[in-house]
Amino acid sequence: MDFLQSILFESPIWLGGFSFLMFAAVLFARRRLTDKSRAYALPGTLLLTVLLFLLQWLVVTERERILESLDAFVAGLESENEPAWSRVVGEGYRGEGMDRNDVLAYIESALDSVDVYDTRTRRRDVQIDGDSAEMILVAMATVKIGGGVGEFHVARWKIGWGREPDGWKIVSLRPEKIDTIPIRSLGELRRHIP
């Protein structure tokens, strides 16, 4: 079901490929159709393709809402815009013995010594289960520590999400690996940041 949802509602590239295959199937099947059906087959397929793209544009899935929240969080971190990134951390944050205020203070103190920019994501797998979701995120970014030269790093994160009245919010945040070094907690990550 997730694959079908991704094709129909989330990925214009997959929908384009599906539409191409549908159009090719109609072209091959056209010879076997009656004259009346043959006349409507191609225009009907084109109309269906346009309607599918319109539907994809109109429908916003929960996965897309989570990814929009993630993008807002990352953009806020890059610009060091505290209201932007803190807005994405949920009131229900519980991770590693920290609540929302603790993790906000943690992130703010980390941003005092670290600049993050040129962030790109390679993997953003989201599994939704009712009002909660879990994301595996692999992100690449240039990180400048203490005003030094920026260095390229790849990190894998496990992010818990919860649906709150004003949207999807981060409720847990755990690093799994930075470059090739396994990191098991935010506390352990903090030891790598001077």
N, C-alpha and C. Protein backbone atom coordinates (compact mmCIF):
# COMPACT_ATOMS: atom_id res chain seq x y z
N MET A 1 0.83 -1.20 0.00
CA MET A 1 0.00 0.00 0.00
C MET A 1 0.87 1.26 0.00
N ASP A 2 1.98 1.23 0.77
CA ASP A 2 2.87 2.39 0.80
C ASP A 2 3.45 2.68 -0.58
N PHE A 3 3.77 1.60 -1.32
CA PHE A 3 4.35 1.79 -2.65
C PHE A 3 3.33 2.45 -3.58
N LEU A 4 2.09 1.99 -3.53
CA LEU A 4 1.04 2.58 -4.37
C LEU A 4 0.78 4.04 -3.97
N GLN A 5 0.78 4.31 -2.66
CA GLN A 5 0.61 5.68 -2.19
C GLN A 5 1.76 6.56 -2.68
N SER A 6 2.96 6.03 -2.64
CA SER A 6 4.12 6.79 -3.12
C SER A 6 4.00 7.11 -4.61
N ILE A 7 3.58 6.13 -5.39
CA ILE A 7 3.43 6.35 -6.84
C ILE A 7 2.34 7.37 -7.13
N LEU A 8 1.17 7.19 -6.53
CA LEU A 8 0.03 8.03 -6.88
C LEU A 8 0.05 9.42 -6.25
N PHE A 9 0.60 9.54 -5.03
CA PHE A 9 0.44 10.81 -4.31
C PHE A 9 1.72 11.55 -3.97
N GLU A 10 2.89 10.88 -4.00
CA GLU A 10 4.08 11.52 -3.47
C GLU A 10 5.21 11.75 -4.47
N SER A 11 5.30 10.95 -5.50
CA SER A 11 6.46 11.04 -6.39
C SER A 11 6.05 11.33 -7.83
N PRO A 12 6.32 12.54 -8.30
CA PRO A 12 6.01 12.84 -9.71
C PRO A 12 6.80 11.97 -10.68
N ILE A 13 8.01 11.57 -10.30
CA ILE A 13 8.83 10.73 -11.19
C ILE A 13 8.19 9.35 -11.34
N TRP A 14 7.79 8.74 -10.21
CA TRP A 14 7.14 7.43 -10.28
C TRP A 14 5.81 7.52 -11.01
N LEU A 15 5.06 8.58 -10.77
CA LEU A 15 3.78 8.74 -11.48
C LEU A 15 4.01 8.93 -12.97
N GLY A 16 5.06 9.64 -13.33
CA GLY A 16 5.40 9.79 -14.75
C GLY A 16 5.72 8.45 -15.39
N GLY A 17 6.50 7.61 -14.70
CA GLY A 17 6.82 6.28 -15.21
C GLY A 17 5.58 5.42 -15.33
N PHE A 18 4.71 5.47 -14.31
CA PHE A 18 3.45 4.72 -14.35
C PHE A 18 2.59 5.18 -15.53
N SER A 19 2.51 6.48 -15.73
CA SER A 19 1.71 7.04 -16.83
C SER A 19 2.27 6.60 -18.18
N PHE A 20 3.59 6.58 -18.30
CA PHE A 20 4.22 6.13 -19.54
C PHE A 20 3.85 4.67 -19.82
N LEU A 21 3.94 3.81 -18.80
CA LEU A 21 3.59 2.40 -18.98
C LEU A 21 2.12 2.23 -19.33
N MET A 22 1.26 3.02 -18.68
CA MET A 22 -0.16 2.95 -18.98
C MET A 22 -0.43 3.38 -20.43
N PHE A 23 0.23 4.43 -20.87
CA PHE A 23 0.06 4.92 -22.24
C PHE A 23 0.57 3.87 -23.24
N ALA A 24 1.73 3.25 -22.94
CA ALA A 24 2.28 2.22 -23.82
C ALA A 24 1.34 1.02 -23.91
N ALA A 25 0.75 0.61 -22.78
CA ALA A 25 -0.18 -0.52 -22.77
C ALA A 25 -1.40 -0.22 -23.63
N VAL A 26 -1.91 1.00 -23.54
CA VAL A 26 -3.07 1.38 -24.36
C VAL A 26 -2.70 1.39 -25.84
N LEU A 27 -1.51 1.87 -26.16
CA LEU A 27 -1.07 1.87 -27.57
C LEU A 27 -1.00 0.45 -28.13
N PHE A 28 -0.47 -0.49 -27.36
CA PHE A 28 -0.37 -1.87 -27.83
C PHE A 28 -1.74 -2.55 -27.88
N ALA A 29 -2.61 -2.23 -26.94
CA ALA A 29 -3.93 -2.85 -26.89
C ALA A 29 -4.91 -2.23 -27.88
N ARG A 30 -4.58 -1.10 -28.43
CA ARG A 30 -5.49 -0.38 -29.32
C ARG A 30 -5.91 -1.21 -30.52
N ARG A 31 -5.02 -2.01 -31.04
CA ARG A 31 -5.34 -2.81 -32.25
C ARG A 31 -6.47 -3.79 -31.99
N ARG A 32 -6.62 -4.23 -30.76
CA ARG A 32 -7.64 -5.23 -30.45
C ARG A 32 -8.98 -4.60 -30.06
N LEU A 33 -9.02 -3.30 -29.93
CA LEU A 33 -10.24 -2.61 -29.52
C LEU A 33 -11.17 -2.37 -30.69
N THR A 34 -12.43 -2.16 -30.38
CA THR A 34 -13.39 -1.81 -31.42
C THR A 34 -13.11 -0.39 -31.90
N ASP A 35 -13.67 -0.03 -33.03
CA ASP A 35 -13.41 1.31 -33.59
C ASP A 35 -13.81 2.42 -32.62
N LYS A 36 -14.95 2.26 -31.97
CA LYS A 36 -15.41 3.29 -31.03
C LYS A 36 -14.47 3.38 -29.82
N SER A 37 -14.09 2.23 -29.26
CA SER A 37 -13.17 2.23 -28.11
C SER A 37 -11.81 2.76 -28.50
N ARG A 38 -11.36 2.43 -29.70
CA ARG A 38 -10.06 2.89 -30.19
C ARG A 38 -10.01 4.41 -30.26
N ALA A 39 -11.12 5.02 -30.65
CA ALA A 39 -11.18 6.48 -30.77
C ALA A 39 -11.03 7.18 -29.41
N TYR A 40 -11.50 6.54 -28.35
CA TYR A 40 -11.47 7.15 -27.03
C TYR A 40 -10.28 6.69 -26.17
N ALA A 41 -9.57 5.66 -26.59
CA ALA A 41 -8.51 5.07 -25.75
C ALA A 41 -7.38 6.06 -25.45
N LEU A 42 -6.80 6.68 -26.47
CA LEU A 42 -5.67 7.60 -26.24
C LEU A 42 -6.10 8.89 -25.55
N PRO A 43 -7.18 9.55 -26.01
CA PRO A 43 -7.60 10.75 -25.27
C PRO A 43 -7.99 10.45 -23.82
N GLY A 44 -8.62 9.29 -23.61
CA GLY A 44 -9.00 8.90 -22.25
C GLY A 44 -7.77 8.68 -21.37
N THR A 45 -6.75 8.05 -21.94
CA THR A 45 -5.51 7.81 -21.20
C THR A 45 -4.82 9.13 -20.87
N LEU A 46 -4.78 10.05 -21.82
CA LEU A 46 -4.18 11.36 -21.57
C LEU A 46 -4.96 12.13 -20.49
N LEU A 47 -6.27 12.07 -20.55
CA LEU A 47 -7.10 12.73 -19.55
C LEU A 47 -6.86 12.11 -18.17
N LEU A 48 -6.80 10.77 -18.11
CA LEU A 48 -6.53 10.10 -16.84
C LEU A 48 -5.16 10.50 -16.29
N THR A 49 -4.17 10.62 -17.15
CA THR A 49 -2.83 11.02 -16.72
C THR A 49 -2.86 12.43 -16.11
N VAL A 50 -3.54 13.34 -16.77
CA VAL A 50 -3.65 14.72 -16.26
C VAL A 50 -4.37 14.71 -14.92
N LEU A 51 -5.44 13.92 -14.80
CA LEU A 51 -6.19 13.86 -13.54
C LEU A 51 -5.34 13.26 -12.41
N LEU A 52 -4.51 12.27 -12.72
CA LEU A 52 -3.64 11.68 -11.70
C LEU A 52 -2.60 12.69 -11.21
N PHE A 53 -2.03 13.47 -12.13
CA PHE A 53 -1.07 14.50 -11.71
C PHE A 53 -1.75 15.60 -10.91
N LEU A 54 -2.97 15.96 -11.29
CA LEU A 54 -3.74 16.96 -10.54
C LEU A 54 -4.06 16.44 -9.13
N LEU A 55 -4.44 15.17 -9.04
CA LEU A 55 -4.73 14.56 -7.75
C LEU A 55 -3.47 14.54 -6.88
N GLN A 56 -2.33 14.21 -7.48
CA GLN A 56 -1.08 14.19 -6.72
C GLN A 56 -0.75 15.59 -6.19
N TRP A 57 -1.02 16.59 -6.97
CA TRP A 57 -0.73 17.97 -6.56
C TRP A 57 -1.67 18.39 -5.41
N LEU A 58 -2.92 17.93 -5.45
CA LEU A 58 -3.90 18.33 -4.45
C LEU A 58 -3.77 17.58 -3.12
N VAL A 59 -3.41 16.31 -3.18
CA VAL A 59 -3.37 15.48 -1.98
C VAL A 59 -2.00 15.61 -1.31
N VAL A 60 -2.02 15.90 -0.01
CA VAL A 60 -0.80 15.95 0.79
C VAL A 60 -0.89 14.81 1.80
N THR A 61 0.00 13.84 1.69
CA THR A 61 -0.03 12.69 2.58
C THR A 61 0.65 13.02 3.92
N GLU A 62 0.42 12.16 4.90
CA GLU A 62 1.06 12.35 6.20
C GLU A 62 2.58 12.28 6.07
N ARG A 63 3.08 11.39 5.22
CA ARG A 63 4.52 11.30 5.00
C ARG A 63 5.07 12.62 4.45
N GLU A 64 4.34 13.24 3.52
CA GLU A 64 4.78 14.53 2.98
C GLU A 64 4.75 15.61 4.05
N ARG A 65 3.78 15.56 4.95
CA ARG A 65 3.72 16.54 6.04
C ARG A 65 4.93 16.38 6.97
N ILE A 66 5.31 15.14 7.25
CA ILE A 66 6.49 14.88 8.09
C ILE A 66 7.74 15.40 7.39
N LEU A 67 7.87 15.15 6.10
CA LEU A 67 9.04 15.61 5.37
C LEU A 67 9.10 17.13 5.29
N GLU A 68 7.94 17.79 5.20
CA GLU A 68 7.90 19.25 5.24
C GLU A 68 8.39 19.77 6.60
N SER A 69 7.97 19.10 7.68
CA SER A 69 8.43 19.49 9.02
C SER A 69 9.93 19.28 9.15
N LEU A 70 10.44 18.17 8.61
CA LEU A 70 11.88 17.92 8.65
C LEU A 70 12.63 19.01 7.89
N ASP A 71 12.13 19.38 6.71
CA ASP A 71 12.79 20.42 5.92
C ASP A 71 12.81 21.75 6.67
N ALA A 72 11.72 22.06 7.38
CA ALA A 72 11.67 23.30 8.17
C ALA A 72 12.68 23.24 9.32
N PHE A 73 12.82 22.09 9.95
CA PHE A 73 13.78 21.90 11.04
C PHE A 73 15.21 22.09 10.53
N VAL A 74 15.53 21.44 9.42
CA VAL A 74 16.89 21.53 8.87
C VAL A 74 17.19 22.96 8.41
N ALA A 75 16.23 23.61 7.75
CA ALA A 75 16.44 24.99 7.31
C ALA A 75 16.66 25.91 8.51
N GLY A 76 15.93 25.68 9.60
CA GLY A 76 16.11 26.47 10.81
C GLY A 76 17.48 26.25 11.43
N LEU A 77 17.97 24.99 11.41
CA LEU A 77 19.32 24.71 11.94
C LEU A 77 20.38 25.40 11.10
N GLU A 78 20.24 25.32 9.76
CA GLU A 78 21.24 25.93 8.89
C GLU A 78 21.32 27.44 9.08
N SER A 79 20.16 28.07 9.22
CA SER A 79 20.12 29.53 9.36
C SER A 79 20.26 29.97 10.82
N GLU A 80 20.37 28.99 11.72
CA GLU A 80 20.43 29.26 13.17
C GLU A 80 19.25 30.12 13.62
N ASN A 81 18.10 29.82 13.05
CA ASN A 81 16.86 30.51 13.37
C ASN A 81 16.14 29.69 14.45
N GLU A 82 16.37 30.03 15.70
CA GLU A 82 15.85 29.25 16.82
C GLU A 82 14.33 29.08 16.79
N PRO A 83 13.55 30.11 16.49
CA PRO A 83 12.10 29.89 16.44
C PRO A 83 11.69 28.88 15.36
N ALA A 84 12.42 28.85 14.24
CA ALA A 84 12.07 27.93 13.15
C ALA A 84 12.33 26.48 13.53
N TRP A 85 13.51 26.18 14.08
CA TRP A 85 13.79 24.78 14.40
C TRP A 85 13.10 24.33 15.68
N SER A 86 12.95 25.22 16.65
CA SER A 86 12.33 24.81 17.91
C SER A 86 10.83 24.54 17.74
N ARG A 87 10.22 25.17 16.75
CA ARG A 87 8.80 24.96 16.47
C ARG A 87 8.52 23.51 16.06
N VAL A 88 9.52 22.81 15.52
CA VAL A 88 9.34 21.45 15.03
C VAL A 88 9.55 20.41 16.14
N VAL A 89 10.13 20.81 17.26
CA VAL A 89 10.32 19.89 18.39
C VAL A 89 9.03 19.88 19.21
N GLY A 90 8.48 18.69 19.42
CA GLY A 90 7.17 18.56 20.05
C GLY A 90 7.18 18.69 21.56
N GLU A 91 6.02 19.07 22.09
CA GLU A 91 5.84 19.15 23.54
C GLU A 91 6.01 17.77 24.18
N GLY A 92 5.72 16.74 23.41
CA GLY A 92 5.84 15.38 23.92
C GLY A 92 7.22 14.78 23.75
N TYR A 93 8.25 15.60 23.56
CA TYR A 93 9.60 15.08 23.35
C TYR A 93 10.05 14.30 24.57
N ARG A 94 10.47 13.06 24.34
CA ARG A 94 11.03 12.21 25.39
C ARG A 94 12.10 11.35 24.74
N GLY A 95 13.32 11.66 25.00
CA GLY A 95 14.42 10.87 24.44
C GLY A 95 15.65 11.02 25.30
N GLU A 96 16.26 9.90 25.66
CA GLU A 96 17.49 9.88 26.44
C GLU A 96 17.36 10.65 27.75
N GLY A 97 16.18 10.58 28.34
CA GLY A 97 15.96 11.26 29.61
C GLY A 97 15.78 12.76 29.49
N MET A 98 15.65 13.26 28.27
CA MET A 98 15.46 14.70 28.05
C MET A 98 14.02 14.99 27.68
N ASP A 99 13.53 16.13 28.14
CA ASP A 99 12.23 16.61 27.67
C ASP A 99 12.47 17.69 26.62
N ARG A 100 11.42 18.35 26.21
CA ARG A 100 11.52 19.35 25.15
C ARG A 100 12.51 20.46 25.51
N ASN A 101 12.41 21.01 26.71
CA ASN A 101 13.30 22.11 27.10
C ASN A 101 14.76 21.67 27.12
N ASP A 102 15.01 20.44 27.58
CA ASP A 102 16.39 19.93 27.62
C ASP A 102 16.97 19.80 26.22
N VAL A 103 16.20 19.24 25.30
CA VAL A 103 16.75 19.05 23.95
C VAL A 103 16.90 20.38 23.22
N LEU A 104 16.00 21.33 23.48
CA LEU A 104 16.15 22.65 22.87
C LEU A 104 17.44 23.32 23.36
N ALA A 105 17.71 23.19 24.67
CA ALA A 105 18.95 23.76 25.22
C ALA A 105 20.17 23.04 24.65
N TYR A 106 20.07 21.73 24.48
CA TYR A 106 21.16 20.95 23.90
C TYR A 106 21.48 21.43 22.48
N ILE A 107 20.44 21.55 21.66
CA ILE A 107 20.65 21.98 20.27
C ILE A 107 21.20 23.39 20.22
N GLU A 108 20.64 24.27 21.04
CA GLU A 108 21.10 25.67 21.05
C GLU A 108 22.58 25.77 21.45
N SER A 109 22.99 24.99 22.45
CA SER A 109 24.40 25.04 22.86
C SER A 109 25.30 24.42 21.79
N ALA A 110 24.81 23.39 21.08
CA ALA A 110 25.61 22.81 20.00
C ALA A 110 25.78 23.81 18.86
N LEU A 111 24.74 24.56 18.56
CA LEU A 111 24.82 25.55 17.47
C LEU A 111 25.72 26.73 17.83
N ASP A 112 26.01 26.91 19.13
CA ASP A 112 26.96 27.96 19.52
C ASP A 112 28.37 27.67 19.02
N SER A 113 28.71 26.39 18.91
CA SER A 113 30.06 26.03 18.48
C SER A 113 30.12 25.40 17.10
N VAL A 114 28.97 25.13 16.48
CA VAL A 114 28.93 24.43 15.19
C VAL A 114 28.07 25.20 14.20
N ASP A 115 28.56 25.32 12.98
CA ASP A 115 27.77 25.86 11.87
C ASP A 115 27.51 24.72 10.90
N VAL A 116 26.26 24.54 10.50
CA VAL A 116 25.88 23.49 9.56
C VAL A 116 25.33 24.15 8.31
N TYR A 117 25.84 23.73 7.15
CA TYR A 117 25.32 24.27 5.90
C TYR A 117 25.49 23.27 4.77
N ASP A 118 24.92 23.58 3.62
CA ASP A 118 24.92 22.70 2.44
C ASP A 118 24.37 21.31 2.78
N THR A 119 23.28 21.28 3.52
CA THR A 119 22.68 20.01 3.92
C THR A 119 21.92 19.38 2.75
N ARG A 120 22.15 18.08 2.58
CA ARG A 120 21.42 17.30 1.58
C ARG A 120 21.03 15.98 2.23
N THR A 121 19.90 15.46 1.83
CA THR A 121 19.47 14.17 2.38
C THR A 121 19.57 13.10 1.31
N ARG A 122 19.99 11.93 1.74
CA ARG A 122 20.11 10.81 0.83
C ARG A 122 19.01 9.80 1.06
N ARG A 123 18.58 9.69 2.28
CA ARG A 123 17.56 8.70 2.63
C ARG A 123 16.63 9.31 3.66
N ARG A 124 15.33 9.18 3.42
CA ARG A 124 14.33 9.68 4.36
C ARG A 124 13.19 8.67 4.42
N ASP A 125 13.44 7.56 5.09
CA ASP A 125 12.43 6.50 5.19
C ASP A 125 11.51 6.79 6.37
N VAL A 126 10.21 6.81 6.10
CA VAL A 126 9.23 7.12 7.14
C VAL A 126 8.24 5.98 7.26
N GLN A 127 8.07 5.47 8.47
CA GLN A 127 7.06 4.46 8.77
C GLN A 127 6.05 5.08 9.73
N ILE A 128 4.81 5.19 9.29
CA ILE A 128 3.77 5.83 10.09
C ILE A 128 2.90 4.77 10.73
N ASP A 129 2.60 4.95 12.01
CA ASP A 129 1.73 4.05 12.75
C ASP A 129 0.78 4.90 13.57
N GLY A 130 -0.36 5.25 12.99
CA GLY A 130 -1.34 6.09 13.68
C GLY A 130 -0.84 7.51 13.87
N ASP A 131 -0.73 7.93 15.14
CA ASP A 131 -0.28 9.28 15.46
C ASP A 131 1.21 9.36 15.75
N SER A 132 1.94 8.29 15.45
CA SER A 132 3.39 8.31 15.63
C SER A 132 4.06 7.80 14.36
N ALA A 133 5.30 8.17 14.21
CA ALA A 133 6.06 7.74 13.03
C ALA A 133 7.52 7.64 13.41
N GLU A 134 8.23 6.83 12.65
CA GLU A 134 9.67 6.70 12.85
C GLU A 134 10.36 6.93 11.52
N MET A 135 11.42 7.70 11.56
CA MET A 135 12.16 8.05 10.35
C MET A 135 13.61 7.63 10.49
N ILE A 136 14.14 7.05 9.43
CA ILE A 136 15.58 6.84 9.31
C ILE A 136 16.05 7.89 8.32
N LEU A 137 16.95 8.75 8.76
CA LEU A 137 17.43 9.86 7.95
C LEU A 137 18.94 9.72 7.75
N VAL A 138 19.36 9.76 6.51
CA VAL A 138 20.78 9.85 6.20
C VAL A 138 20.97 11.20 5.54
N ALA A 139 21.77 12.04 6.19
CA ALA A 139 21.98 13.42 5.72
C ALA A 139 23.46 13.69 5.55
N MET A 140 23.76 14.53 4.58
CA MET A 140 25.12 14.98 4.34
C MET A 140 25.14 16.48 4.54
N ALA A 141 26.20 16.99 5.14
CA ALA A 141 26.30 18.43 5.38
C ALA A 141 27.76 18.83 5.55
N THR A 142 27.99 20.09 5.33
CA THR A 142 29.29 20.67 5.66
C THR A 142 29.16 21.25 7.06
N VAL A 143 30.09 20.89 7.92
CA VAL A 143 30.04 21.31 9.32
C VAL A 143 31.32 22.05 9.67
N LYS A 144 31.14 23.23 10.21
CA LYS A 144 32.27 24.05 10.65
C LYS A 144 32.23 24.12 12.17
N ILE A 145 33.29 23.62 12.81
CA ILE A 145 33.34 23.58 14.27
C ILE A 145 34.26 24.69 14.77
N GLY A 146 33.71 25.50 15.67
CA GLY A 146 34.50 26.55 16.32
C GLY A 146 35.14 27.54 15.36
N GLY A 147 34.49 27.87 14.27
CA GLY A 147 35.04 28.85 13.33
C GLY A 147 36.13 28.30 12.43
N GLY A 148 36.39 27.00 12.49
CA GLY A 148 37.42 26.39 11.63
C GLY A 148 36.93 26.21 10.21
N VAL A 149 37.66 25.40 9.49
CA VAL A 149 37.32 25.09 8.10
C VAL A 149 36.16 24.09 8.09
N GLY A 150 35.21 24.30 7.20
CA GLY A 150 34.09 23.38 7.08
C GLY A 150 34.52 22.03 6.53
N GLU A 151 34.00 20.97 7.12
CA GLU A 151 34.30 19.61 6.68
C GLU A 151 33.00 18.90 6.35
N PHE A 152 33.05 18.04 5.33
CA PHE A 152 31.90 17.29 4.87
C PHE A 152 31.69 16.07 5.77
N HIS A 153 30.45 15.86 6.22
CA HIS A 153 30.13 14.71 7.08
C HIS A 153 28.83 14.07 6.61
N VAL A 154 28.73 12.77 6.84
CA VAL A 154 27.51 12.01 6.56
C VAL A 154 27.03 11.43 7.87
N ALA A 155 25.75 11.60 8.16
CA ALA A 155 25.20 11.12 9.43
C ALA A 155 23.91 10.35 9.20
N ARG A 156 23.72 9.35 10.04
CA ARG A 156 22.47 8.59 10.03
C ARG A 156 21.78 8.83 11.37
N TRP A 157 20.49 9.21 11.29
CA TRP A 157 19.71 9.55 12.48
C TRP A 157 18.44 8.71 12.52
N LYS A 158 17.96 8.44 13.71
CA LYS A 158 16.66 7.83 13.92
C LYS A 158 15.80 8.87 14.63
N ILE A 159 14.74 9.29 13.98
CA ILE A 159 13.91 10.38 14.49
C ILE A 159 12.50 9.87 14.72
N GLY A 160 12.01 10.07 15.94
CA GLY A 160 10.62 9.74 16.26
C GLY A 160 9.75 10.97 16.05
N TRP A 161 8.57 10.75 15.50
CA TRP A 161 7.63 11.84 15.23
C TRP A 161 6.31 11.54 15.92
N GLY A 162 5.64 12.60 16.35
CA GLY A 162 4.30 12.48 16.93
C GLY A 162 3.39 13.53 16.32
N ARG A 163 2.14 13.14 16.11
CA ARG A 163 1.18 14.10 15.57
C ARG A 163 0.58 14.88 16.73
N GLU A 164 0.79 16.19 16.71
CA GLU A 164 0.24 17.08 17.71
C GLU A 164 -0.81 17.96 17.03
N PRO A 165 -1.60 18.72 17.78
CA PRO A 165 -2.67 19.50 17.16
C PRO A 165 -2.21 20.41 16.02
N ASP A 166 -0.98 20.92 16.08
CA ASP A 166 -0.51 21.82 15.02
C ASP A 166 0.44 21.14 14.03
N GLY A 167 0.39 19.81 13.96
CA GLY A 167 1.17 19.10 12.95
C GLY A 167 2.13 18.08 13.53
N TRP A 168 2.96 17.51 12.66
CA TRP A 168 3.93 16.49 13.07
C TRP A 168 5.14 17.15 13.71
N LYS A 169 5.53 16.62 14.87
CA LYS A 169 6.64 17.18 15.63
C LYS A 169 7.63 16.07 15.99
N ILE A 170 8.88 16.47 16.17
CA ILE A 170 9.92 15.54 16.60
C ILE A 170 9.72 15.22 18.08
N VAL A 171 9.64 13.92 18.41
CA VAL A 171 9.47 13.52 19.81
C VAL A 171 10.66 12.70 20.32
N SER A 172 11.56 12.33 19.44
CA SER A 172 12.82 11.71 19.86
C SER A 172 13.83 11.88 18.73
N LEU A 173 15.08 12.00 19.13
CA LEU A 173 16.15 12.28 18.17
C LEU A 173 17.38 11.51 18.63
N ARG A 174 17.85 10.60 17.77
CA ARG A 174 19.00 9.80 18.17
C ARG A 174 19.95 9.60 17.00
N PRO A 175 21.20 9.99 17.16
CA PRO A 175 22.18 9.71 16.10
C PRO A 175 22.54 8.22 16.13
N GLU A 176 22.78 7.66 14.95
CA GLU A 176 23.21 6.26 14.87
C GLU A 176 24.65 6.14 14.37
N LYS A 177 25.02 7.06 13.48
CA LYS A 177 26.37 6.99 12.92
C LYS A 177 26.73 8.35 12.35
N ILE A 178 27.94 8.79 12.62
CA ILE A 178 28.48 10.01 12.01
C ILE A 178 29.71 9.56 11.23
N ASP A 179 29.69 9.80 9.93
CA ASP A 179 30.69 9.25 9.02
C ASP A 179 30.68 7.73 9.20
N THR A 180 31.73 7.14 9.67
CA THR A 180 31.71 5.68 9.89
C THR A 180 31.76 5.34 11.38
N ILE A 181 31.62 6.34 12.22
CA ILE A 181 31.73 6.14 13.67
C ILE A 181 30.33 5.92 14.26
N PRO A 182 30.10 4.76 14.90
CA PRO A 182 28.80 4.55 15.55
C PRO A 182 28.65 5.50 16.74
N ILE A 183 27.51 6.17 16.78
CA ILE A 183 27.19 7.09 17.88
C ILE A 183 25.83 6.63 18.41
N ARG A 184 25.73 6.40 19.70
CA ARG A 184 24.51 5.81 20.24
C ARG A 184 23.60 6.79 20.96
N SER A 185 24.05 8.01 21.17
CA SER A 185 23.22 8.95 21.91
C SER A 185 23.66 10.37 21.62
N LEU A 186 22.81 11.32 21.98
CA LEU A 186 23.18 12.73 21.84
C LEU A 186 24.31 13.08 22.79
N GLY A 187 24.34 12.45 23.97
CA GLY A 187 25.44 12.68 24.91
C GLY A 187 26.78 12.25 24.32
N GLU A 188 26.77 11.11 23.66
CA GLU A 188 28.00 10.62 23.03
C GLU A 188 28.41 11.53 21.87
N LEU A 189 27.42 12.03 21.12
CA LEU A 189 27.70 12.97 20.03
C LEU A 189 28.33 14.24 20.58
N ARG A 190 27.87 14.69 21.73
CA ARG A 190 28.36 15.93 22.33
C ARG A 190 29.86 15.85 22.63
N ARG A 191 30.35 14.64 22.93
CA ARG A 191 31.79 14.50 23.21
C ARG A 191 32.65 14.71 21.97
N HIS A 192 32.03 14.60 20.79
CA HIS A 192 32.78 14.81 19.53
C HIS A 192 32.76 16.27 19.10
N ILE A 193 31.92 17.08 19.76
CA ILE A 193 31.84 18.50 19.45
C ILE A 193 32.53 19.26 20.57
N PRO A 194 33.61 20.00 20.26
CA PRO A 194 34.31 20.73 21.33
C PRO A 194 33.45 21.81 21.97
